[in-house]
Amino acid sequence: MVSLRSLLMSDRTFVSVAAAGIFGCFLMADNPLFALPEPVRSAAAADTGLPLAPRTLEAARVQASETLAMFLRHAVGPDGRAAEGAALQVALPAEDGPGLQVVLVSDVRVDNIQFSGVVEGRPGRVSFDPSHIRDWIWRGEDGRLYGSYIARASLPSFHPSAAAALGATLSEDPVPAVWR
């Protein structure tokens, strides 16, 4: 298991939270669009290291899946390009061994039912189909993160001060009101 402390203090572009043997989410440490604020990094020093139950992660994935079509209708333009502030968490084959890892994909493009995007730290674009999408993230005009179901589900496993700081970046409702 990777602790929140190592997660947030890492200098690597991608760091993972391994929860009960499942890679729960990837955060982009040096992408200003998705970077966590300094209070979250500071609070990580007191990380509890509690794992997430696989059912909790699966429930978050299901919620994200249920709202994915709405996200795509609002985030992807007629040209197939996702708007700035939109990203997907996608399960891709692990680069360093068997299995899958969930990575944050930005600069998303949709062509029919084939998706592609950029994974920071990897050359070129990656392609994937919708079944690989685990979560969606939208930075609203208010600066808050919408979607982010995995991050929301992860909050109880964080130290209270880290959870509060991360929670402050999340919108109250995962779906923007103007999308309903």
N, C-alpha and C. Protein backbone atom coordinates (compact mmCIF):
# COMPACT_ATOMS: atom_id res chain seq x y z
N MET A 1 0.85 -1.17 0.00
CA MET A 1 0.00 0.00 0.00
C MET A 1 0.90 1.23 0.00
N VAL A 2 0.53 2.22 -0.76
CA VAL A 2 1.22 3.50 -0.80
C VAL A 2 0.47 4.44 0.13
N SER A 3 1.19 5.06 1.04
CA SER A 3 0.51 5.95 1.98
C SER A 3 0.21 7.28 1.32
N LEU A 4 -0.72 8.00 1.91
CA LEU A 4 -1.03 9.34 1.40
C LEU A 4 0.19 10.23 1.48
N ARG A 5 0.99 10.05 2.53
CA ARG A 5 2.19 10.86 2.68
C ARG A 5 3.10 10.71 1.46
N SER A 6 3.42 9.47 1.09
CA SER A 6 4.29 9.28 -0.07
C SER A 6 3.58 9.72 -1.34
N LEU A 7 2.27 9.55 -1.37
CA LEU A 7 1.48 9.98 -2.52
C LEU A 7 1.66 11.47 -2.77
N LEU A 8 1.49 12.27 -1.75
CA LEU A 8 1.49 13.71 -1.93
C LEU A 8 2.88 14.33 -1.87
N MET A 9 3.84 13.66 -1.28
CA MET A 9 5.17 14.21 -1.16
C MET A 9 6.08 13.79 -2.31
N SER A 10 5.59 12.92 -3.18
CA SER A 10 6.38 12.40 -4.27
C SER A 10 6.71 13.49 -5.29
N ASP A 11 7.89 13.40 -5.87
CA ASP A 11 8.27 14.31 -6.94
C ASP A 11 7.88 13.76 -8.30
N ARG A 12 7.42 12.52 -8.35
CA ARG A 12 7.00 11.92 -9.61
C ARG A 12 5.74 12.61 -10.11
N THR A 13 5.58 12.60 -11.41
CA THR A 13 4.38 13.18 -12.00
C THR A 13 3.15 12.41 -11.59
N PHE A 14 3.22 11.09 -11.60
CA PHE A 14 2.07 10.27 -11.23
C PHE A 14 2.39 9.51 -9.97
N VAL A 15 1.48 9.48 -9.09
CA VAL A 15 1.60 8.71 -7.87
C VAL A 15 0.27 8.01 -7.66
N SER A 16 0.32 6.86 -7.04
CA SER A 16 -0.92 6.10 -6.95
C SER A 16 -1.32 5.85 -5.52
N VAL A 17 -2.59 5.63 -5.36
CA VAL A 17 -3.13 5.16 -4.09
C VAL A 17 -3.51 3.71 -4.34
N ALA A 18 -2.83 2.79 -3.68
CA ALA A 18 -3.20 1.38 -3.81
C ALA A 18 -4.14 1.07 -2.66
N ALA A 19 -5.32 0.67 -2.98
CA ALA A 19 -6.31 0.40 -1.95
C ALA A 19 -6.73 -1.06 -2.03
N ALA A 20 -6.40 -1.80 -1.01
CA ALA A 20 -6.75 -3.22 -0.94
C ALA A 20 -6.32 -3.95 -2.22
N GLY A 21 -5.13 -3.62 -2.70
CA GLY A 21 -4.61 -4.27 -3.89
C GLY A 21 -5.14 -3.73 -5.20
N ILE A 22 -5.97 -2.71 -5.15
CA ILE A 22 -6.54 -2.12 -6.36
C ILE A 22 -6.00 -0.71 -6.48
N PHE A 23 -5.53 -0.34 -7.65
CA PHE A 23 -5.08 1.03 -7.82
C PHE A 23 -6.30 1.91 -7.93
N GLY A 24 -6.52 2.73 -6.91
CA GLY A 24 -7.73 3.52 -6.81
C GLY A 24 -7.73 4.74 -7.69
N CYS A 25 -6.66 5.51 -7.67
CA CYS A 25 -6.66 6.71 -8.49
C CYS A 25 -5.25 7.22 -8.67
N PHE A 26 -5.06 8.01 -9.67
CA PHE A 26 -3.80 8.69 -9.90
C PHE A 26 -4.05 10.17 -9.82
N LEU A 27 -3.12 10.86 -9.23
CA LEU A 27 -3.20 12.30 -9.15
C LEU A 27 -2.02 12.89 -9.90
N MET A 28 -2.22 14.02 -10.51
CA MET A 28 -1.14 14.67 -11.23
C MET A 28 -0.52 15.69 -10.29
N ALA A 29 0.70 15.42 -9.87
CA ALA A 29 1.35 16.26 -8.89
C ALA A 29 1.80 17.60 -9.45
N ASP A 30 2.16 17.65 -10.73
CA ASP A 30 2.68 18.91 -11.25
C ASP A 30 1.86 19.47 -12.40
N ASN A 31 0.63 19.08 -12.53
CA ASN A 31 -0.27 19.69 -13.49
C ASN A 31 -1.10 20.70 -12.72
N PRO A 32 -0.95 22.01 -12.99
CA PRO A 32 -1.66 23.00 -12.19
C PRO A 32 -3.17 22.86 -12.24
N LEU A 33 -3.69 22.24 -13.27
CA LEU A 33 -5.14 22.07 -13.35
C LEU A 33 -5.65 21.13 -12.27
N PHE A 34 -4.88 20.10 -11.96
CA PHE A 34 -5.34 19.08 -11.03
C PHE A 34 -4.47 18.95 -9.79
N ALA A 35 -3.51 19.84 -9.61
CA ALA A 35 -2.63 19.76 -8.45
C ALA A 35 -3.40 20.00 -7.17
N LEU A 36 -3.01 19.30 -6.14
CA LEU A 36 -3.63 19.49 -4.84
C LEU A 36 -3.00 20.71 -4.16
N PRO A 37 -3.77 21.44 -3.39
CA PRO A 37 -3.24 22.62 -2.73
C PRO A 37 -2.25 22.26 -1.63
N GLU A 38 -1.40 23.20 -1.29
CA GLU A 38 -0.37 22.99 -0.27
C GLU A 38 -0.93 22.47 1.05
N PRO A 39 -2.08 22.94 1.55
CA PRO A 39 -2.58 22.39 2.81
C PRO A 39 -2.78 20.88 2.76
N VAL A 40 -3.14 20.33 1.61
CA VAL A 40 -3.31 18.89 1.50
C VAL A 40 -1.95 18.21 1.62
N ARG A 41 -0.95 18.78 0.95
CA ARG A 41 0.39 18.20 1.04
C ARG A 41 0.91 18.25 2.47
N SER A 42 0.70 19.36 3.15
CA SER A 42 1.18 19.50 4.53
C SER A 42 0.46 18.54 5.47
N ALA A 43 -0.83 18.39 5.28
CA ALA A 43 -1.61 17.51 6.15
C ALA A 43 -1.26 16.05 5.93
N ALA A 44 -0.62 15.74 4.82
CA ALA A 44 -0.28 14.35 4.53
C ALA A 44 0.73 13.79 5.52
N ALA A 45 1.43 14.64 6.21
CA ALA A 45 2.40 14.17 7.19
C ALA A 45 1.75 13.31 8.26
N ALA A 46 0.48 13.50 8.50
CA ALA A 46 -0.23 12.73 9.53
C ALA A 46 -1.16 11.69 8.91
N ASP A 47 -0.83 11.21 7.74
CA ASP A 47 -1.67 10.24 7.03
C ASP A 47 -2.00 9.04 7.89
N THR A 48 -3.25 8.62 7.85
CA THR A 48 -3.66 7.44 8.61
C THR A 48 -3.32 6.16 7.88
N GLY A 49 -3.19 6.21 6.56
CA GLY A 49 -2.85 5.02 5.79
C GLY A 49 -3.96 3.99 5.73
N LEU A 50 -5.19 4.35 6.04
CA LEU A 50 -6.29 3.40 6.00
C LEU A 50 -6.61 3.02 4.56
N PRO A 51 -6.77 1.73 4.29
CA PRO A 51 -7.11 1.32 2.93
C PRO A 51 -8.58 1.55 2.63
N LEU A 52 -8.88 1.66 1.36
CA LEU A 52 -10.27 1.75 0.92
C LEU A 52 -10.76 0.34 0.61
N ALA A 53 -11.99 0.07 0.95
CA ALA A 53 -12.58 -1.22 0.61
C ALA A 53 -12.83 -1.28 -0.89
N PRO A 54 -12.61 -2.45 -1.51
CA PRO A 54 -12.89 -2.57 -2.94
C PRO A 54 -14.32 -2.17 -3.29
N ARG A 55 -15.28 -2.46 -2.40
CA ARG A 55 -16.67 -2.09 -2.68
C ARG A 55 -16.84 -0.58 -2.74
N THR A 56 -16.07 0.15 -1.93
CA THR A 56 -16.14 1.61 -1.94
C THR A 56 -15.65 2.15 -3.28
N LEU A 57 -14.54 1.60 -3.76
CA LEU A 57 -14.01 2.03 -5.06
C LEU A 57 -14.96 1.65 -6.19
N GLU A 58 -15.54 0.47 -6.11
CA GLU A 58 -16.48 0.05 -7.15
C GLU A 58 -17.72 0.93 -7.15
N ALA A 59 -18.21 1.30 -5.98
CA ALA A 59 -19.38 2.19 -5.90
C ALA A 59 -19.05 3.54 -6.53
N ALA A 60 -17.84 4.05 -6.28
CA ALA A 60 -17.43 5.33 -6.88
C ALA A 60 -17.36 5.20 -8.40
N ARG A 61 -16.82 4.09 -8.87
CA ARG A 61 -16.73 3.87 -10.31
C ARG A 61 -18.12 3.80 -10.95
N VAL A 62 -19.05 3.14 -10.28
CA VAL A 62 -20.41 3.03 -10.80
C VAL A 62 -21.07 4.40 -10.87
N GLN A 63 -20.90 5.21 -9.82
CA GLN A 63 -21.47 6.57 -9.84
C GLN A 63 -20.89 7.38 -10.99
N ALA A 64 -19.59 7.29 -11.20
CA ALA A 64 -18.96 8.00 -12.31
C ALA A 64 -19.51 7.51 -13.64
N SER A 65 -19.68 6.21 -13.76
CA SER A 65 -20.21 5.63 -14.99
C SER A 65 -21.63 6.10 -15.27
N GLU A 66 -22.44 6.21 -14.23
CA GLU A 66 -23.83 6.64 -14.39
C GLU A 66 -23.96 8.08 -14.87
N THR A 67 -22.95 8.89 -14.63
CA THR A 67 -23.00 10.31 -15.02
C THR A 67 -22.04 10.63 -16.17
N LEU A 68 -21.36 9.61 -16.69
CA LEU A 68 -20.37 9.82 -17.75
C LEU A 68 -21.00 10.42 -19.01
N ALA A 69 -22.15 9.93 -19.43
CA ALA A 69 -22.78 10.46 -20.65
C ALA A 69 -23.09 11.94 -20.50
N MET A 70 -23.54 12.35 -19.32
CA MET A 70 -23.83 13.76 -19.07
C MET A 70 -22.54 14.58 -19.17
N PHE A 71 -21.46 14.07 -18.56
CA PHE A 71 -20.16 14.73 -18.63
C PHE A 71 -19.73 14.90 -20.08
N LEU A 72 -19.83 13.83 -20.87
CA LEU A 72 -19.40 13.89 -22.26
C LEU A 72 -20.23 14.87 -23.07
N ARG A 73 -21.54 14.93 -22.83
CA ARG A 73 -22.40 15.89 -23.54
C ARG A 73 -21.95 17.32 -23.29
N HIS A 74 -21.51 17.61 -22.08
CA HIS A 74 -21.15 18.99 -21.73
C HIS A 74 -19.67 19.30 -21.92
N ALA A 75 -18.82 18.29 -21.84
CA ALA A 75 -17.38 18.53 -21.88
C ALA A 75 -16.77 18.38 -23.27
N VAL A 76 -17.41 17.61 -24.14
CA VAL A 76 -16.83 17.34 -25.47
C VAL A 76 -17.60 18.13 -26.52
N GLY A 77 -16.85 18.90 -27.29
CA GLY A 77 -17.46 19.73 -28.33
C GLY A 77 -17.77 18.92 -29.58
N PRO A 78 -18.41 19.57 -30.57
CA PRO A 78 -18.75 18.90 -31.82
C PRO A 78 -17.53 18.39 -32.59
N ASP A 79 -16.37 19.00 -32.31
CA ASP A 79 -15.14 18.56 -32.97
C ASP A 79 -14.52 17.34 -32.31
N GLY A 80 -15.14 16.83 -31.25
CA GLY A 80 -14.63 15.65 -30.55
C GLY A 80 -13.58 15.95 -29.50
N ARG A 81 -13.28 17.22 -29.28
CA ARG A 81 -12.27 17.59 -28.28
C ARG A 81 -12.95 17.98 -26.97
N ALA A 82 -12.38 17.50 -25.88
CA ALA A 82 -12.89 17.88 -24.57
C ALA A 82 -12.41 19.29 -24.24
N ALA A 83 -13.24 20.02 -23.54
CA ALA A 83 -12.90 21.39 -23.13
C ALA A 83 -11.77 21.37 -22.12
N GLU A 84 -11.09 22.51 -22.02
CA GLU A 84 -10.07 22.66 -20.99
C GLU A 84 -10.75 22.50 -19.64
N GLY A 85 -10.09 21.81 -18.73
CA GLY A 85 -10.67 21.56 -17.42
C GLY A 85 -11.32 20.20 -17.31
N ALA A 86 -11.34 19.44 -18.41
CA ALA A 86 -11.93 18.10 -18.42
C ALA A 86 -10.83 17.05 -18.46
N ALA A 87 -11.02 15.98 -17.71
CA ALA A 87 -10.08 14.87 -17.72
C ALA A 87 -10.83 13.59 -17.35
N LEU A 88 -10.20 12.48 -17.67
CA LEU A 88 -10.76 11.17 -17.34
C LEU A 88 -9.73 10.36 -16.58
N GLN A 89 -10.19 9.56 -15.63
CA GLN A 89 -9.33 8.55 -15.02
C GLN A 89 -9.63 7.26 -15.75
N VAL A 90 -8.57 6.65 -16.30
CA VAL A 90 -8.72 5.52 -17.21
C VAL A 90 -7.82 4.38 -16.75
N ALA A 91 -8.35 3.16 -16.78
CA ALA A 91 -7.57 1.96 -16.47
C ALA A 91 -6.84 1.52 -17.73
N LEU A 92 -5.52 1.58 -17.68
CA LEU A 92 -4.68 1.18 -18.80
C LEU A 92 -3.72 0.09 -18.34
N PRO A 93 -3.18 -0.72 -19.27
CA PRO A 93 -2.20 -1.71 -18.85
C PRO A 93 -1.04 -1.05 -18.12
N ALA A 94 -0.63 -1.66 -17.02
CA ALA A 94 0.48 -1.12 -16.23
C ALA A 94 1.75 -1.11 -17.06
N GLU A 95 2.52 -0.05 -16.93
CA GLU A 95 3.78 0.04 -17.68
C GLU A 95 4.86 -0.85 -17.08
N ASP A 96 4.77 -1.12 -15.79
CA ASP A 96 5.85 -1.82 -15.09
C ASP A 96 5.45 -3.21 -14.60
N GLY A 97 4.51 -3.85 -15.27
CA GLY A 97 4.13 -5.20 -14.85
C GLY A 97 2.73 -5.54 -15.29
N PRO A 98 2.26 -6.69 -14.82
CA PRO A 98 0.91 -7.12 -15.21
C PRO A 98 -0.16 -6.29 -14.52
N GLY A 99 -1.34 -6.38 -15.03
CA GLY A 99 -2.47 -5.69 -14.41
C GLY A 99 -2.72 -4.33 -15.03
N LEU A 100 -3.56 -3.59 -14.34
CA LEU A 100 -3.97 -2.27 -14.80
C LEU A 100 -3.57 -1.22 -13.79
N GLN A 101 -3.40 -0.01 -14.27
CA GLN A 101 -3.22 1.14 -13.40
C GLN A 101 -4.16 2.22 -13.90
N VAL A 102 -4.70 2.97 -12.97
CA VAL A 102 -5.63 4.03 -13.33
C VAL A 102 -4.84 5.33 -13.41
N VAL A 103 -4.89 5.97 -14.58
CA VAL A 103 -4.12 7.18 -14.83
C VAL A 103 -5.06 8.31 -15.21
N LEU A 104 -4.60 9.52 -15.00
CA LEU A 104 -5.36 10.70 -15.38
C LEU A 104 -5.03 11.05 -16.83
N VAL A 105 -6.06 11.13 -17.67
CA VAL A 105 -5.89 11.42 -19.09
C VAL A 105 -6.49 12.79 -19.37
N SER A 106 -5.67 13.68 -19.91
CA SER A 106 -6.15 15.02 -20.28
C SER A 106 -6.11 15.16 -21.80
N ASP A 107 -6.46 16.33 -22.30
CA ASP A 107 -6.53 16.58 -23.75
C ASP A 107 -7.30 15.45 -24.44
N VAL A 108 -8.46 15.13 -23.88
CA VAL A 108 -9.28 14.01 -24.35
C VAL A 108 -9.92 14.34 -25.69
N ARG A 109 -9.91 13.35 -26.56
CA ARG A 109 -10.59 13.45 -27.86
C ARG A 109 -11.45 12.21 -28.05
N VAL A 110 -12.60 12.42 -28.68
CA VAL A 110 -13.53 11.32 -28.93
C VAL A 110 -13.79 11.24 -30.43
N ASP A 111 -13.59 10.05 -30.98
CA ASP A 111 -13.87 9.80 -32.40
C ASP A 111 -14.75 8.56 -32.46
N ASN A 112 -16.03 8.78 -32.71
CA ASN A 112 -17.04 7.72 -32.63
C ASN A 112 -17.05 7.18 -31.20
N ILE A 113 -16.67 5.91 -31.02
CA ILE A 113 -16.63 5.39 -29.66
C ILE A 113 -15.19 5.17 -29.18
N GLN A 114 -14.21 5.63 -29.94
CA GLN A 114 -12.81 5.51 -29.55
C GLN A 114 -12.35 6.80 -28.89
N PHE A 115 -11.71 6.68 -27.74
CA PHE A 115 -11.21 7.82 -26.99
C PHE A 115 -9.70 7.83 -27.06
N SER A 116 -9.11 9.02 -26.95
CA SER A 116 -7.66 9.15 -26.84
C SER A 116 -7.37 10.37 -25.97
N GLY A 117 -6.15 10.42 -25.49
CA GLY A 117 -5.75 11.55 -24.67
C GLY A 117 -4.28 11.46 -24.31
N VAL A 118 -3.86 12.38 -23.47
CA VAL A 118 -2.47 12.49 -23.07
C VAL A 118 -2.35 12.10 -21.60
N VAL A 119 -1.39 11.24 -21.32
CA VAL A 119 -1.03 10.89 -19.95
C VAL A 119 0.30 11.56 -19.68
N GLU A 120 0.30 12.48 -18.74
CA GLU A 120 1.53 13.20 -18.41
C GLU A 120 2.64 12.21 -18.08
N GLY A 121 3.80 12.43 -18.68
CA GLY A 121 4.94 11.56 -18.43
C GLY A 121 5.06 10.41 -19.41
N ARG A 122 4.07 10.23 -20.27
CA ARG A 122 4.13 9.19 -21.31
C ARG A 122 4.19 9.89 -22.66
N PRO A 123 4.99 9.36 -23.58
CA PRO A 123 5.06 9.98 -24.90
C PRO A 123 3.79 9.71 -25.71
N GLY A 124 3.42 10.66 -26.53
CA GLY A 124 2.30 10.49 -27.44
C GLY A 124 0.95 10.42 -26.75
N ARG A 125 -0.02 9.97 -27.51
CA ARG A 125 -1.39 9.85 -27.02
C ARG A 125 -1.68 8.38 -26.72
N VAL A 126 -2.59 8.15 -25.80
CA VAL A 126 -3.06 6.80 -25.51
C VAL A 126 -4.48 6.68 -26.04
N SER A 127 -4.85 5.50 -26.50
CA SER A 127 -6.20 5.24 -26.98
C SER A 127 -6.87 4.25 -26.04
N PHE A 128 -8.18 4.40 -25.87
CA PHE A 128 -8.91 3.51 -24.98
C PHE A 128 -10.38 3.55 -25.35
N ASP A 129 -11.11 2.53 -24.95
CA ASP A 129 -12.55 2.54 -25.21
C ASP A 129 -13.28 2.91 -23.92
N PRO A 130 -14.55 3.24 -24.00
CA PRO A 130 -15.28 3.74 -22.83
C PRO A 130 -15.28 2.79 -21.63
N SER A 131 -15.15 1.48 -21.88
CA SER A 131 -15.16 0.53 -20.76
C SER A 131 -13.96 0.70 -19.84
N HIS A 132 -12.92 1.39 -20.29
CA HIS A 132 -11.74 1.61 -19.46
C HIS A 132 -11.85 2.85 -18.57
N ILE A 133 -12.87 3.66 -18.78
CA ILE A 133 -13.03 4.89 -18.00
C ILE A 133 -13.52 4.54 -16.60
N ARG A 134 -12.83 5.06 -15.58
CA ARG A 134 -13.18 4.80 -14.19
C ARG A 134 -13.80 6.01 -13.50
N ASP A 135 -13.46 7.21 -13.97
CA ASP A 135 -13.95 8.43 -13.32
C ASP A 135 -13.79 9.58 -14.30
N TRP A 136 -14.48 10.66 -14.04
CA TRP A 136 -14.33 11.88 -14.83
C TRP A 136 -14.14 13.05 -13.88
N ILE A 137 -13.46 14.07 -14.38
CA ILE A 137 -13.14 15.25 -13.57
C ILE A 137 -13.39 16.48 -14.43
N TRP A 138 -14.03 17.46 -13.84
CA TRP A 138 -14.32 18.71 -14.52
C TRP A 138 -14.00 19.85 -13.57
N ARG A 139 -13.10 20.74 -13.98
CA ARG A 139 -12.84 21.94 -13.18
C ARG A 139 -13.82 22.99 -13.65
N GLY A 140 -14.78 23.33 -12.76
CA GLY A 140 -15.81 24.29 -13.09
C GLY A 140 -15.31 25.72 -13.08
N GLU A 141 -16.16 26.62 -13.56
CA GLU A 141 -15.81 28.04 -13.57
C GLU A 141 -15.56 28.56 -12.16
N ASP A 142 -16.13 27.89 -11.16
CA ASP A 142 -15.93 28.28 -9.77
C ASP A 142 -14.60 27.77 -9.21
N GLY A 143 -13.82 27.05 -10.04
CA GLY A 143 -12.53 26.53 -9.61
C GLY A 143 -12.62 25.21 -8.85
N ARG A 144 -13.82 24.73 -8.60
CA ARG A 144 -14.00 23.48 -7.85
C ARG A 144 -14.00 22.30 -8.82
N LEU A 145 -13.67 21.13 -8.28
CA LEU A 145 -13.66 19.91 -9.08
C LEU A 145 -14.99 19.20 -8.97
N TYR A 146 -15.57 18.88 -10.12
CA TYR A 146 -16.80 18.11 -10.21
C TYR A 146 -16.43 16.70 -10.65
N GLY A 147 -17.37 15.78 -10.51
CA GLY A 147 -17.03 14.39 -10.78
C GLY A 147 -16.14 13.92 -9.65
N SER A 148 -14.96 13.46 -9.96
CA SER A 148 -13.97 13.07 -8.95
C SER A 148 -14.56 12.11 -7.92
N TYR A 149 -15.33 11.15 -8.39
CA TYR A 149 -16.00 10.22 -7.49
C TYR A 149 -15.01 9.39 -6.67
N ILE A 150 -13.88 9.01 -7.27
CA ILE A 150 -12.89 8.22 -6.54
C ILE A 150 -12.26 9.06 -5.44
N ALA A 151 -11.94 10.32 -5.73
CA ALA A 151 -11.38 11.20 -4.69
C ALA A 151 -12.39 11.38 -3.56
N ARG A 152 -13.65 11.55 -3.91
CA ARG A 152 -14.69 11.71 -2.89
C ARG A 152 -14.78 10.47 -2.01
N ALA A 153 -14.71 9.29 -2.63
CA ALA A 153 -14.78 8.05 -1.87
C ALA A 153 -13.54 7.84 -1.01
N SER A 154 -12.42 8.44 -1.41
CA SER A 154 -11.16 8.28 -0.68
C SER A 154 -11.08 9.15 0.57
N LEU A 155 -11.89 10.19 0.66
CA LEU A 155 -11.78 11.13 1.78
C LEU A 155 -11.76 10.47 3.15
N PRO A 156 -12.60 9.47 3.44
CA PRO A 156 -12.58 8.87 4.78
C PRO A 156 -11.26 8.19 5.13
N SER A 157 -10.46 7.82 4.14
CA SER A 157 -9.19 7.15 4.42
C SER A 157 -8.07 8.15 4.70
N PHE A 158 -8.32 9.44 4.52
CA PHE A 158 -7.31 10.46 4.74
C PHE A 158 -7.35 10.95 6.18
N HIS A 159 -6.24 11.48 6.62
CA HIS A 159 -6.21 12.19 7.91
C HIS A 159 -7.24 13.31 7.82
N PRO A 160 -7.94 13.63 8.91
CA PRO A 160 -8.99 14.65 8.85
C PRO A 160 -8.57 15.98 8.24
N SER A 161 -7.36 16.45 8.54
CA SER A 161 -6.97 17.74 7.97
C SER A 161 -6.69 17.63 6.47
N ALA A 162 -6.15 16.49 6.03
CA ALA A 162 -5.94 16.28 4.59
C ALA A 162 -7.28 16.14 3.89
N ALA A 163 -8.21 15.42 4.51
CA ALA A 163 -9.54 15.25 3.93
C ALA A 163 -10.25 16.59 3.81
N ALA A 164 -10.10 17.44 4.82
CA ALA A 164 -10.75 18.76 4.78
C ALA A 164 -10.16 19.61 3.66
N ALA A 165 -8.85 19.58 3.51
CA ALA A 165 -8.21 20.39 2.46
C ALA A 165 -8.59 19.88 1.07
N LEU A 166 -8.58 18.55 0.88
CA LEU A 166 -8.98 18.00 -0.41
C LEU A 166 -10.46 18.25 -0.64
N GLY A 167 -11.27 18.05 0.39
CA GLY A 167 -12.71 18.28 0.28
C GLY A 167 -13.04 19.70 -0.12
N ALA A 168 -12.21 20.65 0.30
CA ALA A 168 -12.45 22.06 -0.04
C ALA A 168 -12.27 22.32 -1.54
N THR A 169 -11.54 21.45 -2.24
CA THR A 169 -11.36 21.63 -3.68
C THR A 169 -12.51 20.99 -4.47
N LEU A 170 -13.28 20.13 -3.81
CA LEU A 170 -14.37 19.43 -4.48
C LEU A 170 -15.67 20.21 -4.39
N SER A 171 -16.47 20.14 -5.43
CA SER A 171 -17.79 20.76 -5.41
C SER A 171 -18.68 20.00 -4.43
N GLU A 172 -19.71 20.67 -3.94
CA GLU A 172 -20.64 20.01 -3.02
C GLU A 172 -21.36 18.86 -3.73
N ASP A 173 -21.85 19.12 -4.92
CA ASP A 173 -22.54 18.11 -5.73
C ASP A 173 -21.58 17.70 -6.85
N PRO A 174 -21.39 16.41 -7.10
CA PRO A 174 -20.45 16.00 -8.14
C PRO A 174 -20.84 16.44 -9.56
N VAL A 175 -22.12 16.72 -9.78
CA VAL A 175 -22.59 17.13 -11.11
C VAL A 175 -22.96 18.61 -11.07
N PRO A 176 -22.39 19.43 -11.96
CA PRO A 176 -22.76 20.85 -11.98
C PRO A 176 -24.27 21.03 -12.16
N ALA A 177 -24.84 21.95 -11.42
CA ALA A 177 -26.29 22.19 -11.47
C ALA A 177 -26.74 22.57 -12.87
N VAL A 178 -25.92 23.30 -13.61
CA VAL A 178 -26.31 23.74 -14.96
C VAL A 178 -26.37 22.58 -15.95
N TRP A 179 -25.84 21.41 -15.59
CA TRP A 179 -25.89 20.25 -16.46
C TRP A 179 -27.20 19.48 -16.32
N ARG A 180 -27.94 19.74 -15.27
CA ARG A 180 -29.16 18.95 -14.99
C ARG A 180 -30.34 19.47 -15.77
